């Protein structure tokens, strides 16, 4: 993975943690959306196998 992608991912994670500290309800929504995306991605990968 290129360094830029790693940095971008790290910065996004830090931003999400900062937002979570400010608004727990938003943090819960972000977690749900992340899990939905992981589930969707896993389904896509299974269908391509």
C-alpha atoms as a PDB file:
ATOM      1  CA  UNK A   1       0.000   0.000   0.000  1.00  0.00           C
ATOM      2  CA  UNK A   2       1.436   3.407  -0.912  1.00  0.00           C
ATOM      3  CA  UNK A   3       2.412   5.675   1.942  1.00  0.00           C
ATOM      4  CA  UNK A   4      -0.209   8.235   0.893  1.00  0.00           C
ATOM      5  CA  UNK A   5      -2.992   5.659   1.282  1.00  0.00           C
ATOM      6  CA  UNK A   6      -1.710   4.653   4.709  1.00  0.00           C
ATOM      7  CA  UNK A   7      -1.516   8.284   5.815  1.00  0.00           C
ATOM      8  CA  UNK A   8      -4.976   9.008   4.448  1.00  0.00           C
ATOM      9  CA  UNK A   9      -6.418   6.021   6.311  1.00  0.00           C
ATOM     10  CA  UNK A  10      -4.697   7.061   9.535  1.00  0.00           C
ATOM     11  CA  UNK A  11      -5.924  10.643   9.253  1.00  0.00           C
ATOM     12  CA  UNK A  12      -9.477   9.480   8.591  1.00  0.00           C
ATOM     13  CA  UNK A  13      -9.314   7.205  11.639  1.00  0.00           C
ATOM     14  CA  UNK A  14      -8.055  10.053  13.815  1.00  0.00           C
ATOM     15  CA  UNK A  15     -10.814  12.315  12.511  1.00  0.00           C
ATOM     16  CA  UNK A  16     -13.429   9.644  13.282  1.00  0.00           C
ATOM     17  CA  UNK A  17     -12.095   9.262  16.834  1.00  0.00           C
ATOM     18  CA  UNK A  18     -12.245  13.015  17.370  1.00  0.00           C
ATOM     19  CA  UNK A  19     -15.817  13.131  16.091  1.00  0.00           C
ATOM     20  CA  UNK A  20     -16.733  10.162  18.293  1.00  0.00           C
ATOM     21  CA  UNK A  21     -15.418  11.942  21.353  1.00  0.00           C
ATOM     22  CA  UNK A  22     -17.571  14.967  20.493  1.00  0.00           C
ATOM     23  CA  UNK A  23     -20.796  13.078  19.641  1.00  0.00           C
ATOM     24  CA  UNK A  24     -21.334   9.481  20.806  1.00  0.00           C
ATOM     25  CA  UNK A  25     -24.529   9.127  18.736  1.00  0.00           C
ATOM     26  CA  UNK A  26     -22.619  10.033  15.577  1.00  0.00           C
ATOM     27  CA  UNK A  27     -19.910   7.549  16.531  1.00  0.00           C
ATOM     28  CA  UNK A  28     -22.543   4.803  16.751  1.00  0.00           C
ATOM     29  CA  UNK A  29     -23.863   5.749  13.316  1.00  0.00           C
ATOM     30  CA  UNK A  30     -20.344   5.696  11.848  1.00  0.00           C
ATOM     31  CA  UNK A  31     -19.768   2.224  13.339  1.00  0.00           C
ATOM     32  CA  UNK A  32     -23.027   0.953  11.849  1.00  0.00           C
ATOM     33  CA  UNK A  33     -22.173   2.374   8.429  1.00  0.00           C
ATOM     34  CA  UNK A  34     -18.679   0.860   8.572  1.00  0.00           C
ATOM     35  CA  UNK A  35     -20.111  -2.558   9.427  1.00  0.00           C
ATOM     36  CA  UNK A  36     -22.678  -2.257   6.619  1.00  0.00           C
ATOM     37  CA  UNK A  37     -19.905  -1.456   4.155  1.00  0.00           C
ATOM     38  CA  UNK A  38     -17.776  -4.371   5.385  1.00  0.00           C
ATOM     39  CA  UNK A  39     -20.731  -6.719   4.986  1.00  0.00           C
ATOM     40  CA  UNK A  40     -21.450  -5.400   1.487  1.00  0.00           C
ATOM     41  CA  UNK A  41     -17.785  -5.698   0.484  1.00  0.00           C
ATOM     42  CA  UNK A  42     -17.593  -9.259   1.814  1.00  0.00           C
ATOM     43  CA  UNK A  43     -20.686 -10.162  -0.220  1.00  0.00           C
ATOM     44  CA  UNK A  44     -19.183  -8.673  -3.372  1.00  0.00           C
ATOM     45  CA  UNK A  45     -15.916 -10.535  -2.859  1.00  0.00           C
ATOM     46  CA  UNK A  46     -17.786 -13.824  -2.281  1.00  0.00           C
ATOM     47  CA  UNK A  47     -19.811 -13.312  -5.459  1.00  0.00           C
ATOM     48  CA  UNK A  48     -16.617 -12.776  -7.452  1.00  0.00           C
ATOM     49  CA  UNK A  49     -14.956 -15.934  -6.098  1.00  0.00           C
END
